[in-house]
Amino acid sequence: MLTQQSTIMETRQAFAWAVPDNYNIGVDICDRIAAKNPDNPAIIAVAEDGSHRTHSFADLRAASNRLAHVLQEWVGRGDRIAVLLPQCVETATAHIAITKMGCISLPLFTLFGPEALQHRLKDSGARVVITNQAGAEQLGRLRASLPDLSVILSIDGAGDNAKDMHALCATQPDTFAPIATRADDPAILIYTSGTTGAPKGALHAHRVLLGHLPGVEMSHDFFPQPGDRIWTPADWAWIGGLLDVLMPALHHGVPVVACRFAKFSAKAAFDLIRTHNIRNAFLPPTALKLMRLDTPDAPVTMRSVASGGETLGKELIAWGQQVFGTTINEFYGQTECNMIVSSCAALEPAEPGVMGFAVPGHTVAVVDEDRARICATGEEGSIAVRAPDPVMFLEYWNNPDATAAKFITIDGDQWLLTGDKGGTAASGRIRFIGRDDDIISSGGYRIGPAEIEDCLLTHPAVTLAGVVGKPDPIRGAVVAAYVQLADEYSGSDALADNIAKHVKSRLAAYEYPRVVRFINDMPMTTTGKIIRADLRQRAAKEAEND
């Protein structure tokens, strides 16, 4: 754990990794706690009707042990087992059982379509899928194209394509001898789309959880504290839900509220926080933006709120201080190497527009475009992380070329390239500029979309905004803003001009959007990020027709 000192530098100097040779995630987040405090609450599962049930660490241990016995019929050590479930106690149980068995868990979003599921299951060679009735029906249509898939287990009972998981577990003993895994043994396979090509499977070792802990503790102002209880609307199939919330909280013995709304709403989120005395939350920027549109009359006091995935602007940070009574701590990472940068209001005031400091234990730098040297303060380059690092992935599954392309060597040190542009501020914080393919080159200027999107959101008519470059024969590209309006506004040329002037008056003249388009549905990933690639395609088609 991090030990809080008076400054970030002192906190960094006081930290040292303690990764044992032998380590198992499932044992750590379940059996270890159950042996000491079996009756302590682990998962508070909230149903759609608002009812809830509390599951103890002893409950998790017994359920995961029974499931491990069931799974042994079809898998052996190192086999991949997919978990296609929403936030629920069975999701936690499955990941615990899989890792205790020495197998590899494959988290999958319930919102994935058939092509996304087919690619991940076929590429990984998954032997088992643990899902619900809806997932089983979808997988039934794909079964013929998945020769490695032996069985589908459903938490909703047996069906044409699935066996009844709970019925099978009921006949098994509640004790199980976990496999003695090493910290570097593979444990979790999470697919990430990246920027080009088919989604790649980032393979993580058991040590990935230990690698996450400093960043989680820092982003939640030295988590845990007495009385902490955590929740996120982010799906547990995303690394942000699984390894930024669920597993770190269980490691620390902190109860996790399991509730993912069928459709996110600000009112439901605020009500959930109040009803279940949630003191800590990871709220992605999109969730925060939607919550800001429906701010409650009375503050909803929390101890810590963390956010990551997109840069926060000063408007959101100021709003969070007013509504939550705490500063939203921004963190940064990616599926291959997560939770490596974070702000921490308990140590330093927020610096809007700048992500935060390198988390203790991680060495983060900005390297020049030639990838030959570390950039000076204020110089733009590629954000990189020095290897080895406990949170860093082992490899891309079945893709050695992509793995090799992820790393460079500078002065004998190996660095992982995140694929993001950034710079180091005078304060020592890392500033995020944008993805390599998100940078807009316009009239000789290099423009990151995040700052413009933040500014657009300060306009009262704008609910969501995505900014990309539209091809232009003179400037190379012009800034194009795709805007989703608040309900009480209607799109018009006058409003588009007003929105553009709003940005122009607040940012540099070259940054304002020369094109403003109104759209009804912003293209979003399942993790709540704007899919700028879709917007770029739309802008390119517009340019062809100009």
Protein backbone atom coordinates (compact mmCIF):
# COMPACT_ATOMS: atom_id res chain seq x y z
CA MET A 1 0.00 0.00 0.00
CA LEU A 2 0.95 3.60 -0.51
CA THR A 3 2.00 5.48 2.60
CA GLN A 4 0.80 9.07 2.50
CA GLN A 5 3.55 11.61 2.88
CA SER A 6 3.39 15.40 2.66
CA THR A 7 4.20 15.55 -1.08
CA ILE A 8 3.95 13.35 -4.14
CA MET A 9 7.73 13.12 -4.32
CA GLU A 10 8.02 11.94 -0.72
CA THR A 11 5.19 9.46 -1.28
CA ARG A 12 7.02 8.13 -4.33
CA GLN A 13 10.30 7.79 -2.44
CA ALA A 14 8.57 5.89 0.40
CA PHE A 15 7.08 3.30 -1.97
CA ALA A 16 8.67 0.01 -3.04
CA TRP A 17 7.16 -2.94 -4.89
CA ALA A 18 6.64 -6.15 -2.93
CA VAL A 19 5.59 -8.66 -5.58
CA PRO A 20 6.09 -12.22 -4.31
CA ASP A 21 7.32 -14.99 -6.57
CA ASN A 22 4.13 -16.97 -5.96
CA TYR A 23 0.85 -15.12 -6.18
CA ASN A 24 -2.73 -15.91 -7.21
CA ILE A 25 -5.42 -13.30 -7.78
CA GLY A 26 -8.36 -15.49 -6.75
CA VAL A 27 -6.73 -16.52 -3.50
CA ASP A 28 -5.74 -12.93 -2.76
CA ILE A 29 -9.11 -11.26 -3.32
CA CYS A 30 -11.25 -14.02 -1.82
CA ASP A 31 -9.71 -16.84 0.20
CA ARG A 32 -7.21 -14.62 2.02
CA ILE A 33 -9.93 -12.26 3.25
CA ALA A 34 -12.41 -15.08 3.94
CA ALA A 35 -9.87 -16.79 6.21
CA LYS A 36 -9.64 -13.66 8.39
CA ASN A 37 -13.06 -12.05 8.11
CA PRO A 38 -15.47 -14.57 6.56
CA ASP A 39 -18.65 -12.64 7.36
CA ASN A 40 -17.47 -9.28 6.04
CA PRO A 41 -19.54 -8.00 3.08
CA ALA A 42 -17.86 -8.44 -0.29
CA ILE A 43 -20.53 -7.82 -2.96
CA ILE A 44 -23.75 -5.86 -2.48
CA ALA A 45 -25.79 -6.89 -5.51
CA VAL A 46 -28.51 -4.38 -6.40
CA ALA A 47 -31.31 -5.60 -8.66
CA GLU A 48 -33.22 -3.53 -11.22
CA ASP A 49 -36.16 -3.18 -8.83
CA GLY A 50 -33.86 -1.67 -6.18
CA SER A 51 -33.75 -4.71 -3.93
CA HIS A 52 -30.33 -5.90 -2.87
CA ARG A 53 -28.51 -8.86 -1.38
CA THR A 54 -25.20 -8.84 0.45
CA HIS A 55 -22.69 -11.62 -0.26
CA SER A 56 -19.88 -12.19 2.24
CA PHE A 57 -16.31 -13.24 1.51
CA ALA A 58 -17.21 -16.68 2.86
CA ASP A 59 -20.04 -16.82 0.30
CA LEU A 60 -17.63 -15.95 -2.50
CA ARG A 61 -15.14 -18.56 -1.36
CA ALA A 62 -17.74 -21.34 -1.24
CA ALA A 63 -19.34 -20.38 -4.56
CA SER A 64 -16.02 -20.04 -6.41
CA ASN A 65 -14.80 -23.37 -5.04
CA ARG A 66 -17.92 -25.15 -6.25
CA LEU A 67 -17.62 -23.51 -9.66
CA ALA A 68 -13.95 -24.50 -9.91
CA HIS A 69 -14.93 -28.16 -9.42
CA VAL A 70 -17.57 -27.84 -12.16
CA LEU A 71 -15.16 -26.24 -14.62
CA GLN A 72 -12.54 -28.96 -14.15
CA GLU A 73 -14.64 -31.26 -16.33
CA TRP A 74 -13.80 -29.20 -19.42
CA VAL A 75 -10.60 -27.26 -18.76
CA GLY A 76 -7.07 -27.58 -17.46
CA ARG A 77 -4.42 -25.12 -16.35
CA GLY A 78 -3.86 -22.33 -18.86
CA ASP A 79 -7.17 -22.82 -20.71
CA ARG A 80 -9.27 -19.75 -21.45
CA ILE A 81 -12.71 -19.34 -19.85
CA ALA A 82 -14.89 -16.43 -20.98
CA VAL A 83 -17.16 -14.46 -18.66
CA LEU A 84 -20.04 -12.85 -20.58
CA LEU A 85 -22.04 -11.31 -17.75
CA PRO A 86 -23.08 -7.88 -16.44
CA GLN A 87 -22.16 -6.64 -12.95
CA CYS A 88 -23.40 -9.42 -10.65
CA VAL A 89 -22.04 -11.69 -7.95
CA GLU A 90 -21.59 -14.52 -10.47
CA THR A 91 -19.16 -12.35 -12.44
CA ALA A 92 -16.93 -11.95 -9.40
CA THR A 93 -17.33 -15.64 -8.52
CA ALA A 94 -16.31 -16.69 -12.03
CA HIS A 95 -13.11 -14.62 -12.14
CA ILE A 96 -12.13 -15.89 -8.70
CA ALA A 97 -12.73 -19.52 -9.64
CA ILE A 98 -10.92 -19.24 -12.97
CA THR A 99 -7.80 -17.67 -11.49
CA LYS A 100 -7.72 -20.09 -8.55
CA MET A 101 -7.70 -22.90 -11.13
CA GLY A 102 -4.66 -21.50 -12.93
CA CYS A 103 -6.83 -20.82 -16.00
CA ILE A 104 -7.12 -17.55 -17.91
CA SER A 105 -10.27 -15.45 -17.59
CA LEU A 106 -11.60 -13.67 -20.66
CA PRO A 107 -13.96 -10.78 -19.75
CA LEU A 108 -16.57 -10.02 -22.43
CA PHE A 109 -19.11 -7.19 -22.67
CA THR A 110 -22.76 -8.17 -22.77
CA LEU A 111 -23.20 -5.40 -25.37
CA PHE A 112 -20.85 -7.10 -27.84
CA GLY A 113 -22.41 -8.07 -31.15
CA PRO A 114 -21.88 -11.43 -32.85
CA GLU A 115 -18.76 -10.42 -34.79
CA ALA A 116 -17.05 -9.03 -31.68
CA LEU A 117 -17.83 -12.17 -29.69
CA GLN A 118 -16.83 -14.52 -32.48
CA HIS A 119 -13.43 -12.88 -32.97
CA ARG A 120 -12.54 -12.91 -29.27
CA LEU A 121 -13.75 -16.43 -28.58
CA LYS A 122 -12.16 -17.91 -31.69
CA ASP A 123 -8.87 -16.04 -31.38
CA SER A 124 -8.51 -16.97 -27.71
CA GLY A 125 -9.60 -20.57 -28.18
CA ALA A 126 -11.95 -20.25 -25.21
CA ARG A 127 -13.15 -23.62 -23.93
CA VAL A 128 -16.02 -22.44 -21.72
CA VAL A 129 -18.30 -19.41 -21.59
CA ILE A 130 -20.10 -18.43 -18.40
CA THR A 131 -23.09 -16.27 -19.29
CA ASN A 132 -26.83 -15.69 -18.86
CA GLN A 133 -29.82 -16.64 -20.98
CA ALA A 134 -29.40 -13.74 -23.42
CA GLY A 135 -25.72 -14.55 -23.89
CA ALA A 136 -26.43 -18.25 -24.36
CA GLU A 137 -28.95 -17.51 -27.10
CA GLN A 138 -26.48 -15.29 -28.93
CA LEU A 139 -23.67 -17.81 -28.56
CA GLY A 140 -25.91 -20.59 -29.84
CA ARG A 141 -25.94 -18.89 -33.24
CA LEU A 142 -22.12 -18.77 -33.25
CA ARG A 143 -21.42 -22.25 -31.90
CA ALA A 144 -20.63 -23.82 -35.28
CA SER A 145 -17.82 -21.31 -35.88
CA LEU A 146 -16.19 -21.89 -32.47
CA PRO A 147 -14.60 -25.36 -32.59
CA ASP A 148 -12.72 -24.92 -29.30
CA LEU A 149 -15.84 -24.09 -27.29
CA SER A 150 -16.81 -27.13 -25.21
CA VAL A 151 -19.67 -25.86 -23.09
CA ILE A 152 -21.79 -22.82 -22.24
CA LEU A 153 -22.84 -22.39 -18.62
CA SER A 154 -25.82 -20.15 -17.88
CA ILE A 155 -26.60 -18.52 -14.54
CA ASP A 156 -30.29 -18.40 -15.59
CA GLY A 157 -30.77 -22.14 -15.88
CA ALA A 158 -30.43 -24.71 -18.64
CA GLY A 159 -31.46 -23.99 -22.23
CA ASP A 160 -31.02 -25.32 -25.74
CA ASN A 161 -27.44 -24.07 -25.84
CA ALA A 162 -26.40 -24.05 -22.19
CA LYS A 163 -26.13 -26.03 -19.00
CA ASP A 164 -27.47 -24.80 -15.66
CA MET A 165 -24.43 -23.45 -13.80
CA HIS A 166 -26.09 -23.17 -10.40
CA ALA A 167 -27.53 -26.68 -10.58
CA LEU A 168 -24.11 -28.11 -11.41
CA CYS A 169 -22.47 -26.14 -8.60
CA ALA A 170 -25.03 -27.33 -6.05
CA THR A 171 -23.65 -30.88 -6.24
CA GLN A 172 -20.01 -29.87 -5.66
CA PRO A 173 -18.00 -29.46 -2.44
CA ASP A 174 -17.31 -25.95 -1.14
CA THR A 175 -13.60 -26.60 -0.65
CA PHE A 176 -10.97 -26.44 -3.39
CA ALA A 177 -7.17 -26.54 -3.42
CA PRO A 178 -6.03 -23.57 -5.56
CA ILE A 179 -3.27 -24.04 -8.10
CA ALA A 180 0.06 -22.62 -6.92
CA THR A 181 0.63 -19.96 -9.56
CA ARG A 182 3.59 -17.67 -9.95
CA ALA A 183 3.10 -13.91 -10.13
CA ASP A 184 4.20 -13.97 -13.78
CA ASP A 185 1.80 -16.75 -14.81
CA PRO A 186 -1.00 -15.63 -17.16
CA ALA A 187 -4.36 -14.87 -15.52
CA ILE A 188 -6.49 -12.45 -17.57
CA LEU A 189 -6.92 -11.87 -21.31
CA ILE A 190 -8.60 -8.58 -22.23
CA TYR A 191 -9.13 -7.58 -25.85
CA THR A 192 -8.48 -4.00 -26.85
CA SER A 193 -9.44 -2.48 -30.17
CA GLY A 194 -6.46 -0.14 -30.41
CA THR A 195 -6.38 2.04 -33.52
CA THR A 196 -5.80 -0.37 -36.41
CA GLY A 197 -6.60 -3.97 -37.31
CA ALA A 198 -8.65 -6.56 -35.47
CA PRO A 199 -8.93 -6.35 -31.66
CA LYS A 200 -5.82 -7.68 -29.92
CA GLY A 201 -5.82 -9.75 -26.75
CA ALA A 202 -3.67 -8.19 -24.01
CA LEU A 203 -2.50 -11.06 -21.81
CA HIS A 204 -1.90 -10.14 -18.17
CA ALA A 205 -0.17 -12.03 -15.39
CA HIS A 206 -1.51 -12.48 -11.84
CA ARG A 207 0.79 -9.63 -10.76
CA VAL A 208 -1.34 -7.16 -12.76
CA LEU A 209 -3.60 -6.68 -9.75
CA LEU A 210 -0.68 -5.76 -7.49
CA GLY A 211 0.49 -3.39 -10.22
CA HIS A 212 -2.87 -1.61 -10.15
CA LEU A 213 -2.99 -1.04 -6.40
CA PRO A 214 -0.84 2.13 -6.11
CA GLY A 215 -2.87 3.87 -8.82
CA VAL A 216 -6.19 2.88 -7.26
CA GLU A 217 -5.04 3.97 -3.82
CA MET A 218 -3.75 7.29 -5.16
CA SER A 219 -6.80 8.11 -7.30
CA HIS A 220 -9.06 7.50 -4.29
CA ASP A 221 -7.05 9.69 -1.90
CA PHE A 222 -5.30 6.80 -0.19
CA PHE A 223 -7.84 4.02 -0.47
CA PRO A 224 -8.97 2.31 1.67
CA GLN A 225 -10.19 4.31 4.62
CA PRO A 226 -12.57 3.04 7.34
CA GLY A 227 -16.13 2.89 6.03
CA ASP A 228 -15.21 2.88 2.35
CA ARG A 229 -17.70 1.32 -0.07
CA ILE A 230 -17.14 1.55 -3.83
CA TRP A 231 -19.17 1.46 -7.05
CA THR A 232 -18.73 2.15 -10.75
CA PRO A 233 -21.22 2.26 -13.63
CA ALA A 234 -18.42 0.88 -15.82
CA ASP A 235 -18.86 -2.71 -16.89
CA TRP A 236 -16.67 -5.22 -15.09
CA ALA A 237 -15.66 -6.58 -18.51
CA TRP A 238 -13.65 -3.40 -19.02
CA ILE A 239 -10.27 -3.16 -17.33
CA GLY A 240 -11.56 0.02 -15.68
CA GLY A 241 -14.34 -1.90 -13.95
CA LEU A 242 -12.51 -5.14 -13.27
CA LEU A 243 -9.03 -4.01 -12.23
CA ASP A 244 -9.69 -0.42 -11.16
CA VAL A 245 -12.65 -1.26 -8.92
CA LEU A 246 -13.78 -4.86 -8.34
CA MET A 247 -10.50 -6.68 -7.74
CA PRO A 248 -8.59 -3.91 -5.89
CA ALA A 249 -11.55 -3.35 -3.57
CA LEU A 250 -11.83 -7.05 -2.75
CA HIS A 251 -8.06 -7.16 -2.20
CA HIS A 252 -8.50 -4.48 0.47
CA GLY A 253 -11.64 -6.09 1.90
CA VAL A 254 -13.80 -3.15 0.79
CA PRO A 255 -17.45 -3.91 -0.16
CA VAL A 256 -18.30 -3.45 -3.85
CA VAL A 257 -21.78 -2.39 -4.93
CA ALA A 258 -22.76 -4.32 -8.07
CA CYS A 259 -25.22 -2.32 -10.14
CA ARG A 260 -25.07 -1.54 -13.84
CA PHE A 261 -28.15 0.20 -15.13
CA ALA A 262 -29.80 -1.03 -18.32
CA LYS A 263 -29.69 2.62 -19.34
CA PHE A 264 -27.56 5.02 -17.32
CA SER A 265 -29.32 8.00 -15.80
CA ALA A 266 -28.01 10.69 -13.51
CA LYS A 267 -30.96 10.41 -11.13
CA ALA A 268 -30.53 6.66 -10.75
CA ALA A 269 -26.81 7.09 -10.10
CA PHE A 270 -27.32 9.76 -7.44
CA ASP A 271 -30.10 7.71 -5.81
CA LEU A 272 -27.89 4.61 -5.73
CA ILE A 273 -25.03 6.53 -4.11
CA ARG A 274 -27.35 7.88 -1.41
CA THR A 275 -29.27 4.67 -0.77
CA HIS A 276 -26.24 2.44 -0.36
CA ASN A 277 -23.94 4.94 1.34
CA ILE A 278 -21.37 4.70 -1.45
CA ARG A 279 -18.28 6.67 -0.43
CA ASN A 280 -16.05 5.95 -3.43
CA ALA A 281 -16.74 5.75 -7.15
CA PHE A 282 -15.02 5.45 -10.47
CA LEU A 283 -17.15 7.57 -12.79
CA PRO A 284 -16.03 7.76 -16.45
CA PRO A 285 -16.12 11.27 -17.96
CA THR A 286 -19.25 10.50 -19.98
CA ALA A 287 -21.11 9.51 -16.81
CA LEU A 288 -19.94 12.69 -15.10
CA LYS A 289 -21.09 14.81 -18.02
CA LEU A 290 -24.55 13.22 -17.94
CA MET A 291 -24.75 13.62 -14.16
CA ARG A 292 -23.85 17.27 -14.47
CA LEU A 293 -26.88 17.79 -16.70
CA ASP A 294 -29.15 16.59 -13.89
CA THR A 295 -27.42 18.00 -10.81
CA PRO A 296 -29.37 17.25 -7.61
CA ASP A 297 -30.65 20.06 -5.42
CA ALA A 298 -28.58 18.87 -2.45
CA PRO A 299 -24.93 17.74 -2.59
CA VAL A 300 -24.18 14.00 -2.61
CA THR A 301 -21.16 13.85 -0.34
CA MET A 302 -18.51 11.26 -1.15
CA ARG A 303 -14.99 10.62 0.12
CA SER A 304 -13.40 10.03 -3.29
CA VAL A 305 -14.30 10.09 -6.97
CA ALA A 306 -11.90 8.94 -9.66
CA SER A 307 -12.27 9.26 -13.41
CA GLY A 308 -10.30 8.15 -16.43
CA GLY A 309 -10.64 7.40 -20.10
CA GLU A 310 -10.81 10.99 -21.35
CA THR A 311 -9.34 14.25 -20.09
CA LEU A 312 -11.38 16.20 -17.55
CA GLY A 313 -11.79 19.93 -17.95
CA LYS A 314 -11.92 22.55 -15.23
CA GLU A 315 -15.71 22.77 -15.54
CA LEU A 316 -16.19 19.14 -14.54
CA ILE A 317 -13.65 19.38 -11.72
CA ALA A 318 -15.34 22.49 -10.30
CA TRP A 319 -18.76 20.87 -10.59
CA GLY A 320 -17.51 17.75 -8.80
CA GLN A 321 -16.17 19.78 -5.90
CA GLN A 322 -19.55 21.43 -5.52
CA VAL A 323 -21.70 18.29 -5.85
CA PHE A 324 -19.54 15.55 -4.30
CA GLY A 325 -17.64 17.68 -1.80
CA THR A 326 -14.38 16.24 -3.11
CA THR A 327 -12.02 16.78 -6.03
CA ILE A 328 -12.40 14.29 -8.88
CA ASN A 329 -9.02 12.61 -9.31
CA GLU A 330 -8.14 11.93 -12.92
CA PHE A 331 -6.11 8.83 -13.78
CA TYR A 332 -4.68 7.42 -16.97
CA GLY A 333 -3.64 4.15 -18.48
CA GLN A 334 -4.60 1.65 -21.14
CA THR A 335 -5.51 -2.01 -21.29
CA GLU A 336 -1.88 -3.03 -21.83
CA CYS A 337 -0.51 -0.90 -18.98
CA ASN A 338 -3.13 0.68 -16.77
CA MET A 339 -3.28 3.06 -13.78
CA ILE A 340 0.18 4.54 -14.36
CA VAL A 341 -0.69 8.24 -13.98
CA SER A 342 -3.02 9.83 -11.45
CA SER A 343 -3.88 13.03 -9.72
CA CYS A 344 -4.41 12.97 -5.96
CA ALA A 345 -6.16 15.88 -4.27
CA ALA A 346 -5.01 14.60 -0.87
CA LEU A 347 -1.46 15.50 -1.94
CA GLU A 348 -1.70 18.24 -4.57
CA PRO A 349 -4.53 20.45 -5.88
CA ALA A 350 -5.92 19.47 -9.28
CA GLU A 351 -4.40 21.04 -12.38
CA PRO A 352 -7.27 21.10 -14.92
CA GLY A 353 -6.28 19.83 -18.34
CA VAL A 354 -3.29 17.92 -16.97
CA MET A 355 -3.77 14.26 -16.04
CA GLY A 356 -1.56 13.87 -13.02
CA PHE A 357 1.74 12.52 -11.77
CA ALA A 358 3.34 9.20 -12.55
CA VAL A 359 1.98 6.86 -9.87
CA PRO A 360 4.63 5.69 -7.37
CA GLY A 361 6.25 2.50 -8.66
CA HIS A 362 5.83 3.47 -12.33
CA THR A 363 8.25 5.43 -14.51
CA VAL A 364 6.38 7.44 -17.13
CA ALA A 365 8.03 9.76 -19.64
CA VAL A 366 7.44 11.46 -22.97
CA VAL A 367 9.71 10.39 -25.82
CA ASP A 368 10.42 12.33 -29.01
CA GLU A 369 8.93 11.47 -32.39
CA ASP A 370 12.13 9.72 -33.47
CA ARG A 371 11.83 7.57 -30.32
CA ALA A 372 15.46 8.23 -29.54
CA ARG A 373 15.37 10.39 -26.41
CA ILE A 374 13.29 11.57 -23.46
CA CYS A 375 11.61 14.90 -24.16
CA ALA A 376 12.26 18.03 -22.14
CA THR A 377 9.54 19.70 -20.07
CA GLY A 378 6.86 21.19 -22.30
CA GLU A 379 7.97 19.30 -25.39
CA GLU A 380 5.36 17.18 -27.15
CA GLY A 381 5.97 13.50 -27.79
CA SER A 382 4.72 9.97 -27.15
CA ILE A 383 3.78 8.87 -23.64
CA ALA A 384 5.81 5.82 -22.64
CA VAL A 385 6.27 3.57 -19.59
CA ARG A 386 9.57 1.98 -18.63
CA ALA A 387 9.70 -1.80 -18.48
CA PRO A 388 9.60 -4.03 -16.55
CA ASP A 389 6.55 -3.02 -14.58
CA PRO A 390 4.13 -5.21 -12.57
CA VAL A 391 1.07 -3.71 -14.26
CA MET A 392 2.43 -4.21 -17.79
CA PHE A 393 0.96 -6.89 -20.03
CA LEU A 394 2.86 -10.03 -20.96
CA GLU A 395 2.09 -10.01 -24.68
CA TYR A 396 -0.59 -9.73 -27.31
CA TRP A 397 -2.24 -13.12 -27.67
CA ASN A 398 -1.02 -14.90 -30.82
CA ASN A 399 0.52 -11.67 -32.12
CA PRO A 400 4.28 -11.44 -31.52
CA ASP A 401 4.77 -8.77 -34.20
CA ALA A 402 2.29 -6.42 -32.52
CA THR A 403 3.91 -7.14 -29.16
CA ALA A 404 7.36 -6.24 -30.48
CA ALA A 405 6.04 -3.05 -32.09
CA LYS A 406 4.74 -1.89 -28.71
CA PHE A 407 8.25 -1.51 -27.26
CA ILE A 408 11.30 0.65 -28.01
CA THR A 409 14.76 0.92 -26.45
CA ILE A 410 16.36 4.20 -25.36
CA ASP A 411 19.84 4.21 -23.80
CA GLY A 412 19.53 0.55 -22.91
CA ASP A 413 16.11 0.86 -21.23
CA GLN A 414 13.00 -0.71 -22.70
CA TRP A 415 9.87 1.46 -22.91
CA LEU A 416 6.28 0.59 -23.73
CA LEU A 417 4.62 3.08 -26.08
CA THR A 418 1.04 3.88 -25.11
CA GLY A 419 0.11 5.27 -28.51
CA ASP A 420 -0.89 8.58 -26.93
CA LYS A 421 0.59 12.02 -27.40
CA GLY A 422 1.47 14.08 -24.37
CA GLY A 423 3.93 16.33 -22.63
CA THR A 424 5.41 16.95 -19.21
CA ALA A 425 4.16 20.09 -17.46
CA ALA A 426 6.40 22.30 -15.31
CA SER A 427 4.74 20.78 -12.23
CA GLY A 428 5.98 17.34 -13.25
CA ARG A 429 2.53 16.17 -14.21
CA ILE A 430 1.85 14.39 -17.50
CA ARG A 431 -0.37 16.25 -19.95
CA PHE A 432 -2.53 14.24 -22.34
CA ILE A 433 -2.90 15.63 -25.87
CA GLY A 434 -4.61 12.81 -27.74
CA ARG A 435 -4.28 9.49 -29.48
CA ASP A 436 -1.71 9.40 -32.26
CA ASP A 437 -4.52 9.23 -34.80
CA ASP A 438 -6.68 11.81 -32.97
CA ILE A 439 -4.21 14.67 -33.45
CA ILE A 440 -5.48 17.25 -35.95
CA SER A 441 -2.87 18.90 -38.18
CA SER A 442 -4.38 22.18 -39.38
CA GLY A 443 -2.48 25.00 -41.08
CA GLY A 444 0.78 23.96 -39.44
CA TYR A 445 -0.78 23.63 -35.98
CA ARG A 446 -1.08 20.30 -34.15
CA ILE A 447 -4.35 20.28 -32.25
CA GLY A 448 -5.58 17.79 -29.66
CA PRO A 449 -9.36 17.28 -29.52
CA ALA A 450 -9.76 16.93 -25.73
CA GLU A 451 -9.39 20.62 -24.85
CA ILE A 452 -11.86 21.67 -27.55
CA GLU A 453 -14.38 19.06 -26.43
CA ASP A 454 -14.07 20.29 -22.84
CA CYS A 455 -14.72 23.85 -23.99
CA LEU A 456 -17.73 22.81 -26.08
CA LEU A 457 -19.28 21.23 -23.01
CA THR A 458 -19.30 24.59 -21.25
CA HIS A 459 -21.88 25.80 -23.79
CA PRO A 460 -25.38 25.35 -22.34
CA ALA A 461 -26.73 23.77 -25.53
CA VAL A 462 -24.11 21.00 -25.72
CA THR A 463 -24.61 17.62 -24.05
CA LEU A 464 -21.86 15.61 -25.77
CA ALA A 465 -19.17 16.66 -28.23
CA GLY A 466 -16.67 14.85 -30.41
CA VAL A 467 -13.93 16.70 -32.28
CA VAL A 468 -12.00 15.42 -35.31
CA GLY A 469 -10.17 16.78 -38.30
CA LYS A 470 -12.08 17.24 -41.55
CA PRO A 471 -9.87 17.07 -44.67
CA ASP A 472 -9.33 20.50 -46.18
CA PRO A 473 -7.43 21.32 -49.39
CA ILE A 474 -5.86 24.47 -47.96
CA ARG A 475 -5.19 23.75 -44.28
CA GLY A 476 -4.77 19.99 -44.55
CA ALA A 477 -7.61 19.65 -42.05
CA VAL A 478 -10.02 21.89 -40.19
CA VAL A 479 -11.48 21.31 -36.77
CA ALA A 480 -14.93 19.71 -37.01
CA ALA A 481 -17.19 19.37 -33.99
CA TYR A 482 -20.01 16.84 -33.85
CA VAL A 483 -22.44 17.91 -31.17
CA GLN A 484 -25.36 16.29 -29.39
CA LEU A 485 -27.70 18.96 -28.08
CA ALA A 486 -29.62 19.24 -24.84
CA ASP A 487 -33.32 18.45 -25.19
CA GLU A 488 -34.48 22.07 -25.10
CA TYR A 489 -32.29 23.10 -28.06
CA SER A 490 -32.74 22.62 -31.82
CA GLY A 491 -29.96 22.71 -34.37
CA SER A 492 -29.64 25.74 -36.62
CA ASP A 493 -26.98 27.68 -38.48
CA ALA A 494 -27.22 30.43 -35.88
CA LEU A 495 -26.64 27.99 -33.02
CA ALA A 496 -23.72 26.36 -34.87
CA ASP A 497 -22.13 29.78 -35.30
CA ASN A 498 -22.76 30.63 -31.65
CA ILE A 499 -21.11 27.39 -30.51
CA ALA A 500 -18.09 27.98 -32.75
CA LYS A 501 -17.68 31.52 -31.42
CA HIS A 502 -18.00 30.19 -27.87
CA VAL A 503 -14.86 28.10 -28.44
CA LYS A 504 -13.04 30.78 -30.41
CA SER A 505 -13.46 33.28 -27.58
CA ARG A 506 -12.05 30.85 -25.02
CA LEU A 507 -9.29 28.93 -26.81
CA ALA A 508 -6.73 29.81 -29.45
CA ALA A 509 -8.15 31.14 -32.70
CA TYR A 510 -6.76 28.21 -34.69
CA GLU A 511 -8.55 25.73 -32.41
CA TYR A 512 -12.16 26.78 -32.87
CA PRO A 513 -14.37 24.42 -34.92
CA ARG A 514 -14.88 25.74 -38.43
CA VAL A 515 -17.45 22.99 -38.89
CA VAL A 516 -20.22 22.28 -36.36
CA ARG A 517 -22.59 19.40 -37.05
CA PHE A 518 -25.58 18.36 -34.93
CA ILE A 519 -26.12 14.63 -34.44
CA ASN A 520 -28.78 12.71 -32.52
CA ASP A 521 -26.64 9.83 -31.27
CA MET A 522 -22.96 10.16 -30.46
CA PRO A 523 -21.00 7.02 -31.46
CA MET A 524 -19.72 5.56 -28.20
CA THR A 525 -17.74 2.50 -27.17
CA THR A 526 -19.15 0.13 -24.58
CA THR A 527 -16.84 1.83 -22.08
CA GLY A 528 -18.34 5.25 -22.70
CA LYS A 529 -15.64 6.74 -24.92
CA ILE A 530 -16.46 8.69 -28.06
CA ILE A 531 -15.54 6.71 -31.18
CA ARG A 532 -13.69 9.43 -33.03
CA ALA A 533 -12.86 7.00 -35.84
CA ASP A 534 -16.57 6.99 -36.78
CA LEU A 535 -16.64 10.78 -36.71
CA ARG A 536 -13.49 10.95 -38.87
CA GLN A 537 -15.15 8.72 -41.45
CA ARG A 538 -18.19 10.97 -41.44
CA ALA A 539 -16.02 14.07 -41.85
CA ALA A 540 -14.09 12.45 -44.72
CA LYS A 541 -17.32 11.67 -46.58
CA GLU A 542 -18.50 15.24 -46.08
CA ALA A 543 -15.21 16.51 -47.50
CA GLU A 544 -15.60 14.29 -50.58
CA ASN A 545 -19.01 15.83 -51.24
CA ASP A 546 -17.97 19.45 -50.68
